[in-house]
Protein backbone atom coordinates (compact mmCIF):
# COMPACT_ATOMS: atom_id res chain seq x y z
CA MET A 1 -10.89 24.53 13.45
CA ASP A 2 -7.11 22.52 13.85
CA VAL A 3 -8.50 19.04 13.01
CA ALA A 4 -5.32 17.83 14.54
CA GLY A 5 -5.83 19.58 17.83
CA ASP A 6 -9.28 18.49 18.32
CA PRO A 7 -8.68 16.72 22.09
CA GLU A 8 -11.56 14.34 21.45
CA GLY A 9 -9.29 12.19 19.08
CA PRO A 10 -10.51 11.25 15.70
CA ARG A 11 -13.35 9.84 14.68
CA PRO A 12 -13.54 6.56 12.23
CA PRO A 13 -12.95 8.39 8.54
CA GLY A 14 -15.60 9.00 6.67
CA GLY A 15 -18.19 6.96 8.90
CA ASP A 16 -21.26 6.18 7.64
CA GLY A 17 -22.97 7.66 11.59
CA PRO A 18 -25.65 10.25 11.03
CA PRO A 19 -25.50 13.56 9.83
CA GLY A 20 -23.70 16.17 11.58
CA SER A 21 -21.77 13.23 13.57
CA ALA A 22 -18.67 13.86 11.83
CA ARG A 23 -16.64 17.24 12.48
CA GLU A 24 -16.40 19.90 9.86
CA THR A 25 -13.49 19.55 7.68
CA PRO A 26 -11.69 22.92 7.23
CA SER A 27 -11.31 24.49 4.23
CA ARG A 28 -7.92 25.42 4.07
CA LEU A 29 -4.77 23.30 5.70
CA SER A 30 -3.57 24.39 8.77
CA ARG A 31 0.23 24.83 9.08
CA GLU A 32 0.39 21.66 11.10
CA GLN A 33 -1.03 19.41 8.45
CA LEU A 34 0.81 21.41 5.51
CA PHE A 35 3.95 20.45 7.53
CA VAL A 36 2.70 16.57 7.50
CA LEU A 37 2.03 16.40 3.89
CA ILE A 38 5.81 17.57 3.14
CA SER A 39 6.95 15.23 5.63
CA ALA A 40 5.05 11.93 4.27
CA GLY A 41 5.32 13.05 0.51
CA SER A 42 9.40 13.42 0.46
CA LEU A 43 9.48 9.78 2.69
CA ASN A 44 7.05 8.17 -0.52
CA LEU A 45 9.64 9.87 -3.26
CA GLY A 46 12.48 9.03 -1.43
CA SER A 47 11.46 5.58 -0.67
CA MET A 48 10.39 4.56 -3.51
CA MET A 49 13.57 6.05 -5.42
CA SER A 50 15.57 4.27 -3.30
CA TYR A 51 13.59 0.94 -3.71
CA SER A 52 13.45 0.89 -7.31
CA ILE A 53 16.80 2.72 -8.19
CA LEU A 54 18.77 -0.78 -8.11
CA GLY A 55 16.44 -2.58 -11.28
CA PRO A 56 18.73 -1.21 -14.18
CA PHE A 57 22.24 -1.93 -12.97
CA PHE A 58 22.79 -3.77 -9.70
CA PRO A 59 22.15 -7.35 -10.86
CA LYS A 60 25.01 -6.75 -13.48
CA GLU A 61 27.05 -5.33 -10.70
CA ALA A 62 26.36 -8.61 -8.08
CA GLU A 63 27.10 -10.89 -11.15
CA LYS A 64 30.63 -9.31 -11.57
CA LYS A 65 30.53 -10.13 -7.34
CA LYS A 66 30.25 -13.76 -8.40
CA ALA A 67 26.45 -13.62 -7.42
CA SER A 68 24.70 -16.36 -8.79
CA ASN A 69 21.09 -14.86 -10.70
CA THR A 70 19.28 -17.04 -7.55
CA VAL A 71 21.12 -15.19 -5.08
CA ILE A 72 20.27 -11.71 -6.85
CA GLY A 73 16.86 -12.62 -6.57
CA MET A 74 16.79 -13.53 -2.97
CA ILE A 75 18.72 -9.84 -2.42
CA PHE A 76 15.65 -8.43 -3.92
CA GLY A 77 13.18 -10.47 -2.19
CA CYS A 78 14.76 -9.80 1.54
CA TYR A 79 13.52 -6.94 1.05
CA ALA A 80 9.58 -7.49 1.43
CA LEU A 81 9.89 -10.36 4.06
CA SER A 82 11.99 -8.09 6.20
CA GLN A 83 9.46 -5.34 5.99
CA LEU A 84 6.56 -7.75 6.78
CA LEU A 85 8.45 -8.85 10.15
CA ALA A 86 9.41 -5.24 10.81
CA SER A 87 6.01 -3.88 10.20
CA LEU A 88 4.25 -5.83 12.27
CA VAL A 89 6.57 -4.65 15.64
CA PHE A 90 6.39 -1.33 14.64
CA GLY A 91 3.11 -1.18 14.45
CA LYS A 92 2.75 -2.67 17.99
CA CYS A 93 5.37 -0.57 19.65
CA LEU A 94 4.84 2.74 17.82
CA VAL A 95 3.07 4.68 20.79
CA HIS A 96 6.03 3.33 23.01
CA ILE A 97 8.91 4.73 21.16
CA GLY A 98 6.97 7.61 19.56
CA ALA A 99 5.66 8.23 16.20
CA LYS A 100 7.82 11.18 15.25
CA PHE A 101 11.32 9.62 16.39
CA MET A 102 9.98 6.49 14.60
CA PHE A 103 9.70 8.81 11.34
CA VAL A 104 12.69 10.73 11.63
CA ALA A 105 14.78 7.04 12.65
CA GLY A 106 13.74 5.70 9.94
CA LEU A 107 14.49 8.36 7.34
CA PHE A 108 17.94 8.46 9.23
CA VAL A 109 18.88 5.11 8.72
CA SER A 110 17.61 4.31 5.41
CA GLY A 111 19.76 7.48 4.43
CA GLY A 112 22.98 5.87 5.50
CA VAL A 113 22.65 2.33 4.45
CA THR A 114 21.51 4.06 1.26
CA ILE A 115 25.17 5.25 1.01
CA LEU A 116 26.37 1.98 2.41
CA PHE A 117 24.98 0.08 -0.59
CA GLY A 118 26.69 2.36 -3.08
CA LEU A 119 30.09 1.15 -1.17
CA LEU A 120 29.56 -2.46 -1.86
CA ASP A 121 31.76 -2.78 -5.01
CA GLN A 122 34.45 -2.13 -2.83
CA VAL A 123 33.91 -4.84 -0.83
CA PRO A 124 35.86 -8.28 -1.88
CA GLU A 125 33.74 -10.64 -4.18
CA GLY A 126 32.18 -13.79 -3.04
CA PRO A 127 30.49 -14.45 0.33
CA ILE A 128 31.76 -11.54 2.34
CA PHE A 129 30.14 -9.31 -0.90
CA ILE A 130 26.78 -11.38 -0.59
CA ALA A 131 26.45 -10.99 3.06
CA MET A 132 26.94 -7.26 3.06
CA CYS A 133 24.42 -7.14 0.21
CA PHE A 134 21.97 -9.29 2.21
CA LEU A 135 22.52 -7.15 5.68
CA VAL A 136 22.10 -3.84 4.16
CA ARG A 137 19.12 -4.14 1.98
CA VAL A 138 17.52 -5.93 5.32
CA ALA A 139 18.26 -2.91 7.37
CA ASP A 140 16.53 -0.66 4.69
CA ALA A 141 13.35 -2.49 4.44
CA ILE A 142 13.56 -2.36 8.24
CA SER A 143 13.92 1.59 8.35
CA PHE A 144 11.12 1.73 5.56
CA ALA A 145 8.77 -0.10 7.59
CA ALA A 146 9.70 2.42 10.34
CA GLY A 147 9.14 5.38 8.85
CA ILE A 148 5.77 4.58 6.46
CA THR A 149 4.09 2.74 9.58
CA ALA A 150 4.85 6.05 11.16
CA SER A 151 3.65 8.24 8.39
CA PHE A 152 0.56 6.42 8.13
CA ALA A 153 -0.31 6.52 11.88
CA ILE A 154 0.64 10.30 11.88
CA LEU A 155 -1.08 10.82 8.21
CA ALA A 156 -4.20 9.21 9.88
CA LYS A 157 -4.09 11.17 13.19
CA THR A 158 -3.64 14.87 11.79
CA PHE A 159 -6.58 13.91 9.11
CA PRO A 160 -9.18 11.66 10.60
CA ASN A 161 -11.85 12.61 8.15
CA ASN A 162 -9.75 12.60 4.99
CA VAL A 163 -7.48 10.00 5.55
CA GLY A 164 -8.56 8.30 1.98
CA THR A 165 -8.27 11.61 0.34
CA VAL A 166 -4.77 12.30 1.71
CA LEU A 167 -3.05 8.68 1.33
CA GLY A 168 -4.38 8.85 -2.19
CA SER A 169 -2.65 12.22 -2.98
CA LEU A 170 0.63 11.11 -1.19
CA GLU A 171 0.56 7.63 -3.69
CA ILE A 172 1.72 10.76 -6.62
CA PHE A 173 4.82 10.96 -5.06
CA SER A 174 5.11 6.88 -4.67
CA GLY A 175 4.67 6.75 -8.33
CA LEU A 176 6.81 9.48 -9.04
CA GLY A 177 9.53 7.46 -7.24
CA LEU A 178 9.00 4.26 -8.96
CA VAL A 179 9.32 6.01 -12.33
CA LEU A 180 11.92 8.86 -11.49
CA GLY A 181 13.96 6.09 -9.86
CA PRO A 182 15.35 3.60 -12.75
CA PRO A 183 16.19 6.31 -15.28
CA LEU A 184 17.82 8.40 -13.02
CA GLY A 185 19.56 5.81 -11.63
CA GLY A 186 20.65 4.14 -14.84
CA LEU A 187 21.76 7.78 -15.95
CA LEU A 188 23.94 8.53 -12.69
CA TYR A 189 25.63 5.00 -13.27
CA GLN A 190 26.37 5.46 -16.82
CA SER A 191 28.21 9.12 -16.25
CA PHE A 192 29.58 8.26 -13.11
CA GLY A 193 29.58 4.54 -12.32
CA TYR A 194 28.35 2.67 -9.18
CA GLU A 195 28.83 4.61 -6.52
CA VAL A 196 26.96 8.10 -7.28
CA PRO A 197 23.21 7.20 -7.55
CA PHE A 198 23.44 5.69 -3.88
CA ILE A 199 25.52 8.50 -2.20
CA LEU A 200 23.20 11.47 -3.97
CA LEU A 201 20.19 9.84 -2.88
CA GLY A 202 21.35 8.64 0.18
CA GLY A 203 22.63 12.08 0.97
CA ILE A 204 19.34 13.63 0.11
CA THR A 205 17.30 11.15 2.51
CA LEU A 206 19.99 12.59 5.43
CA LEU A 207 19.13 16.35 4.49
CA MET A 208 15.31 15.44 5.19
CA VAL A 209 16.19 14.49 8.94
CA PRO A 210 16.98 17.61 10.55
CA LEU A 211 13.91 19.26 8.52
CA ASN A 212 11.71 16.64 9.28
CA MET A 213 12.85 16.90 13.50
CA CYS A 214 11.85 20.84 12.89
CA ILE A 215 8.50 20.57 11.27
CA LEU A 216 7.06 17.27 11.87
CA PRO A 217 4.31 17.48 14.77
CA ASN A 218 4.80 15.40 17.79
CA TYR A 219 1.92 13.67 19.21
CA GLU A 220 1.27 12.22 22.85
CA SER A 221 -0.58 8.97 23.25
CA ASN A 222 -1.70 7.55 26.17
CA PRO A 223 -0.24 3.79 25.44
CA GLY A 224 -3.06 1.16 24.92
CA ASN A 225 -2.89 -2.49 24.42
CA PRO A 226 -4.56 -3.17 21.06
CA SER A 227 -4.50 -6.90 20.11
CA PHE A 228 -3.08 -7.59 16.25
CA TRP A 229 -4.82 -10.87 16.91
CA LYS A 230 -7.96 -9.69 17.63
CA LEU A 231 -8.13 -6.99 14.79
CA ILE A 232 -6.70 -9.56 12.10
CA THR A 233 -9.39 -12.17 13.42
CA LEU A 234 -12.18 -9.80 12.39
CA PRO A 235 -14.01 -11.29 9.39
CA LYS A 236 -14.11 -7.44 7.33
CA VAL A 237 -10.68 -7.12 8.24
CA ALA A 238 -9.39 -10.26 7.11
CA LEU A 239 -10.94 -10.25 3.93
CA ILE A 240 -9.34 -6.38 3.34
CA SER A 241 -6.06 -8.21 4.07
CA PHE A 242 -6.93 -10.49 1.61
CA VAL A 243 -7.47 -8.05 -1.03
CA ILE A 244 -4.24 -6.29 0.11
CA ASN A 245 -2.48 -9.53 -0.53
CA SER A 246 -3.81 -10.46 -3.85
CA LEU A 247 -3.18 -6.44 -5.17
CA SER A 248 0.16 -6.22 -3.92
CA ALA A 249 0.79 -9.86 -5.59
CA CYS A 250 -0.31 -8.40 -8.69
CA PHE A 251 1.94 -5.75 -9.13
CA GLY A 252 5.00 -7.71 -7.82
CA PHE A 253 4.08 -10.46 -10.16
CA LEU A 254 5.30 -8.07 -12.93
CA ASP A 255 8.38 -7.23 -11.46
CA PRO A 256 10.22 -10.27 -12.68
CA THR A 257 7.58 -11.05 -15.81
CA LEU A 258 6.63 -8.63 -17.64
CA SER A 259 9.93 -7.07 -19.29
CA LEU A 260 11.09 -10.18 -20.42
CA PHE A 261 7.84 -10.77 -22.02
CA VAL A 262 7.68 -7.37 -23.87
CA LEU A 263 11.67 -8.05 -25.00
CA GLU A 264 10.49 -11.67 -26.44
CA LYS A 265 7.53 -10.60 -27.83
CA PHE A 266 7.71 -7.34 -29.23
CA ASN A 267 11.79 -7.12 -30.01
CA LEU A 268 12.06 -4.08 -28.12
CA PRO A 269 15.22 -2.30 -27.14
CA ALA A 270 15.87 -2.77 -23.61
CA GLY A 271 15.85 1.25 -23.08
CA HIS A 272 11.76 1.38 -24.31
CA VAL A 273 11.07 -1.08 -21.48
CA GLY A 274 10.78 1.11 -18.87
CA LEU A 275 8.13 3.16 -21.09
CA VAL A 276 5.79 0.10 -20.75
CA PHE A 277 5.88 0.18 -17.08
CA LEU A 278 4.91 4.36 -16.95
CA GLY A 279 1.72 3.38 -18.09
CA LEU A 280 0.87 1.63 -14.91
CA ALA A 281 2.60 4.18 -12.85
CA LEU A 282 1.34 7.28 -13.99
CA SER A 283 -2.46 5.82 -14.43
CA TYR A 284 -2.07 4.61 -10.78
CA ALA A 285 -0.44 7.67 -9.26
CA ILE A 286 -3.32 10.16 -11.31
CA SER A 287 -6.03 8.22 -10.34
CA SER A 288 -5.57 7.42 -6.65
CA PRO A 289 -6.68 10.84 -5.48
CA LEU A 290 -9.40 11.15 -6.90
CA PHE A 291 -10.81 7.64 -5.57
CA GLY A 292 -9.55 9.15 -2.31
CA LEU A 293 -11.42 12.07 -2.11
CA LEU A 294 -14.46 10.09 -3.18
CA SER A 295 -14.19 7.05 -0.63
CA ASP A 296 -13.95 10.03 1.89
CA LYS A 297 -17.02 12.45 0.68
CA MET A 298 -19.29 9.10 -0.25
CA PRO A 299 -18.07 6.54 2.39
CA HIS A 300 -20.53 3.96 0.90
CA LEU A 301 -18.61 3.92 -2.37
CA ARG A 302 -15.82 1.89 -0.49
CA LYS A 303 -17.75 -1.16 -1.04
CA TRP A 304 -17.86 -0.71 -4.50
CA PHE A 305 -14.57 0.27 -5.14
CA LEU A 306 -12.92 -2.59 -3.31
CA VAL A 307 -15.21 -5.07 -5.28
CA LEU A 308 -15.15 -3.60 -8.56
CA GLY A 309 -11.65 -2.58 -8.64
CA ASN A 310 -10.54 -6.36 -8.02
CA LEU A 311 -12.54 -7.48 -10.94
CA THR A 312 -11.65 -5.17 -13.22
CA THR A 313 -7.80 -6.28 -12.15
CA ALA A 314 -8.59 -9.46 -12.66
CA VAL A 315 -10.17 -9.16 -16.23
CA CYS A 316 -6.72 -6.96 -16.80
CA TYR A 317 -4.70 -9.65 -15.96
CA MET A 318 -6.42 -12.46 -18.05
CA LEU A 319 -5.89 -9.81 -20.86
CA LEU A 320 -2.24 -8.94 -20.35
CA GLY A 321 -1.41 -11.80 -22.34
CA PRO A 322 -3.66 -12.43 -23.60
CA ALA A 323 -5.05 -15.48 -22.02
CA PRO A 324 -4.73 -18.05 -25.07
CA VAL A 325 -8.17 -19.59 -24.42
CA LEU A 326 -9.53 -15.79 -25.09
CA HIS A 327 -7.97 -16.33 -28.89
CA ILE A 328 -6.74 -12.83 -29.13
CA LYS A 329 -3.83 -11.45 -30.83
CA SER A 330 -0.94 -10.10 -27.99
CA GLN A 331 -0.34 -6.56 -29.30
CA LEU A 332 2.08 -3.86 -27.72
CA TRP A 333 -0.60 -1.13 -27.69
CA LEU A 334 -3.28 -3.65 -26.25
CA LEU A 335 -0.65 -4.36 -23.45
CA VAL A 336 -0.07 -0.63 -22.83
CA LEU A 337 -3.82 0.11 -22.84
CA ILE A 338 -4.60 -3.03 -20.16
CA LEU A 339 -1.63 -1.42 -18.14
CA VAL A 340 -3.16 2.09 -17.84
CA ILE A 341 -6.49 0.41 -17.05
CA ASN A 342 -4.75 -1.76 -14.20
CA GLY A 343 -3.27 1.28 -12.52
CA ILE A 344 -7.17 2.98 -12.33
CA SER A 345 -7.83 -0.05 -11.10
CA ALA A 346 -5.34 -0.38 -8.35
CA GLY A 347 -6.16 2.96 -7.38
CA MET A 348 -9.85 1.87 -7.06
CA SER A 349 -8.96 -0.93 -5.01
CA ILE A 350 -6.17 -0.05 -2.80
CA ILE A 351 -7.20 3.49 -1.88
CA PRO A 352 -10.04 2.40 0.45
CA THR A 353 -8.77 -0.48 2.56
CA PHE A 354 -6.81 2.01 5.06
CA PRO A 355 -10.07 3.95 5.94
CA GLU A 356 -12.16 0.68 5.75
CA ILE A 357 -9.97 -1.37 7.99
CA LEU A 358 -9.57 1.90 10.91
CA SER A 359 -13.73 2.25 10.16
CA CYS A 360 -14.06 -1.49 11.24
CA ALA A 361 -11.31 -1.40 14.17
CA TYR A 362 -13.79 1.42 15.76
CA GLU A 363 -16.82 0.03 15.24
CA ASN A 364 -15.47 -3.11 17.08
CA GLY A 365 -14.34 -1.56 20.42
CA PHE A 366 -11.03 -0.36 19.55
CA GLU A 367 -10.33 3.20 20.97
CA GLU A 368 -9.88 6.07 19.16
CA GLY A 369 -6.06 6.99 19.49
CA LEU A 370 -2.33 6.49 18.11
CA SER A 371 -2.33 2.75 19.68
CA THR A 372 -4.95 1.75 17.10
CA LEU A 373 -3.93 3.46 13.82
CA ALA A 374 -0.50 2.62 14.51
CA LEU A 375 -1.68 -1.03 14.82
CA VAL A 376 -3.92 -0.44 11.20
CA SER A 377 -0.67 1.18 9.46
CA GLY A 378 1.51 -2.11 10.58
CA LEU A 379 -1.01 -4.66 9.25
CA PHE A 380 -1.52 -2.70 6.16
CA SER A 381 2.11 -2.66 5.41
CA ALA A 382 2.62 -6.09 6.46
CA MET A 383 -0.22 -7.53 4.27
CA TRP A 384 1.34 -5.67 1.42
CA SER A 385 4.40 -6.98 2.08
CA VAL A 386 2.98 -10.79 2.07
CA GLY A 387 1.99 -9.80 -1.32
CA ALA A 388 5.40 -8.62 -2.47
CA ILE A 389 7.04 -11.84 -1.40
CA VAL A 390 4.56 -14.05 -3.05
CA GLY A 391 3.78 -12.25 -6.42
CA PRO A 392 7.22 -12.32 -7.68
CA THR A 393 8.13 -15.79 -6.15
CA LEU A 394 4.71 -17.18 -7.97
CA GLY A 395 5.01 -15.16 -11.29
CA GLY A 396 8.72 -16.15 -11.83
CA PHE A 397 7.89 -20.03 -11.16
CA LEU A 398 4.94 -20.27 -13.54
CA TYR A 399 6.37 -17.80 -16.27
CA GLU A 400 9.32 -20.18 -16.54
CA LYS A 401 6.81 -23.36 -16.59
CA ILE A 402 3.81 -22.27 -18.22
CA GLY A 403 4.71 -19.15 -20.01
CA PHE A 404 3.63 -15.00 -19.46
CA GLU A 405 0.28 -15.43 -20.82
CA TRP A 406 -1.11 -18.54 -18.54
CA ALA A 407 0.79 -17.16 -15.61
CA ALA A 408 -0.96 -13.58 -15.83
CA ALA A 409 -4.33 -15.64 -16.05
CA ILE A 410 -3.39 -17.32 -13.01
CA GLN A 411 -2.38 -14.60 -11.41
CA GLY A 412 -5.94 -12.50 -12.16
CA LEU A 413 -7.19 -15.55 -10.50
CA TRP A 414 -6.39 -14.42 -6.86
CA ALA A 415 -7.85 -10.56 -7.67
CA LEU A 416 -10.97 -12.17 -9.19
CA THR A 417 -11.04 -14.44 -5.82
CA SER A 418 -10.53 -11.40 -3.55
CA GLY A 419 -13.36 -9.79 -5.50
CA LEU A 420 -15.87 -11.87 -5.37
CA MET A 421 -15.22 -12.75 -1.44
CA MET A 422 -15.26 -9.04 -0.62
CA GLY A 423 -18.66 -8.73 -2.51
CA LEU A 424 -20.40 -11.90 -1.11
CA PHE A 425 -19.23 -10.58 2.72
CA TYR A 426 -21.26 -7.24 1.85
CA LEU A 427 -24.12 -9.03 0.46
CA LEU A 428 -24.29 -10.72 3.65
CA GLU A 429 -23.82 -7.67 5.68
CA TYR A 430 -26.51 -5.84 3.88
CA SER A 431 -28.92 -8.38 4.34
CA ARG A 432 -28.16 -8.73 8.56
CA ARG A 433 -28.74 -4.92 8.39
CA ARG A 434 -32.08 -5.68 6.60
CA ARG A 435 -33.18 -8.54 9.21
CA ARG A 436 -32.19 -6.05 12.26
CA VAL A 437 -34.18 -3.23 10.79
CA LYS A 438 -36.88 -5.42 10.37
CA VAL A 439 -37.09 -7.23 13.82
CA PRO A 440 -37.98 -3.48 15.74
CA ASN A 441 -40.39 -2.72 13.20
CA THR A 442 -42.41 -5.79 13.65
CA LEU A 443 -42.48 -5.47 17.27
CA GLY A 444 -43.42 -1.81 17.21
CA THR A 445 -46.55 -2.97 15.31
CA GLU A 446 -47.54 -6.02 17.46
CA ALA A 447 -47.21 -3.60 20.38
CA GLU A 448 -50.02 -1.27 18.67
CA ARG A 449 -51.66 -4.14 17.74
CA THR A 450 -52.01 -5.17 21.57
CA ALA A 451 -52.47 -1.52 22.70
CA LEU A 452 -55.36 -1.45 20.72
CA LEU A 453 -57.18 -4.79 21.51
CA SER A 454 -56.38 -3.66 25.02
CA ASP A 455 -58.94 -0.47 24.33
CA GLU A 456 -61.65 -2.22 22.76
CA ILE A 457 -61.61 -4.95 25.53
CA LYS A 458 -62.38 -1.67 28.27
CA PRO A 459 -65.83 -0.93 29.11
């Protein structure tokens, strides 16, 4: 049976309902499901390459155009802020715009602005160049927000009982994009100049537009009116959003700090610094499908993944430097090992968040349809963007003031706090459930005693 074609709509993914309440998952992918995976995978790969391709050479080119380091940082930072605002809007409006149209339009705009970014070296230096950089970067962020919000909603609609598995598997393409973007961009820049990396990547993205117009299913949905405020004020959703913030901030913290620390501490050649990041990206990409599969097959493990993943991430950031209070000598092999463990713990924590928010929304009366899926998709993207703004900003400031070792330890406190709060919430939730179970049992026992007494009184 085709999961996507069930007229009853998706159930809470991997819910904790009684046996037999969930639909059987087909052993083989349908044609429609395969096409959705191809579309979402190509979006993840292309968007992450477009995001990461700037790193090796854009700052140097921007300096030639009279852009200061502060302005260059703002050009990078405006991406996350724009994505935050756009995700909230698209999550609310997706059912009115249409998931397929939003996905394809996001791809089209992304390809176009990527090519435009490659033409910025022709723009006069100074304020005009800086303004165009901001304009193109913001447009790229908005297009990515449209594509990824639609992608999450379509995936959850197509794979209602396997959301974690599918999202985890697609993180392989995100990881590949982040890994391949910088070296490929640097190689093309050295060989052909500034324009070619952007024109090539943008052209490939534009070629994906007609392909996705043909293969991506068009889901019809009755426009609902789900409340974003009602969703975010649910205690469990608010805490999971804080978890997403903390993990995104931990990733973002490394962008402006880790390469500087490695160059200063270990005197590595600049070309080898990217290999240090490779341990984090690959371990995250490889472990994410496993944790996605486990979170779907055994939903009760999600709470453990969220708590243990955050606590492990906190320990990793204490050891990145390591923190001076630990009196452990900083060594390159230890740094790479900690980054690998951090990638695994990040996959453990991040992948269960989407299905957990979705299940919580359904349990609290949100309708099972595309409108709720879009709202949860927008919330996830927005909360990730918050961390992507705060992490690099706070990390750069702390690195400058107190050094990498203490800055990383302080960053780890964010993950520690979110992990402990999540663990406390689950303990309270478990306690409330036990009390609710005991009350009916007590009432039943009293009723039986009353019946027995009345029988004894009868002559």
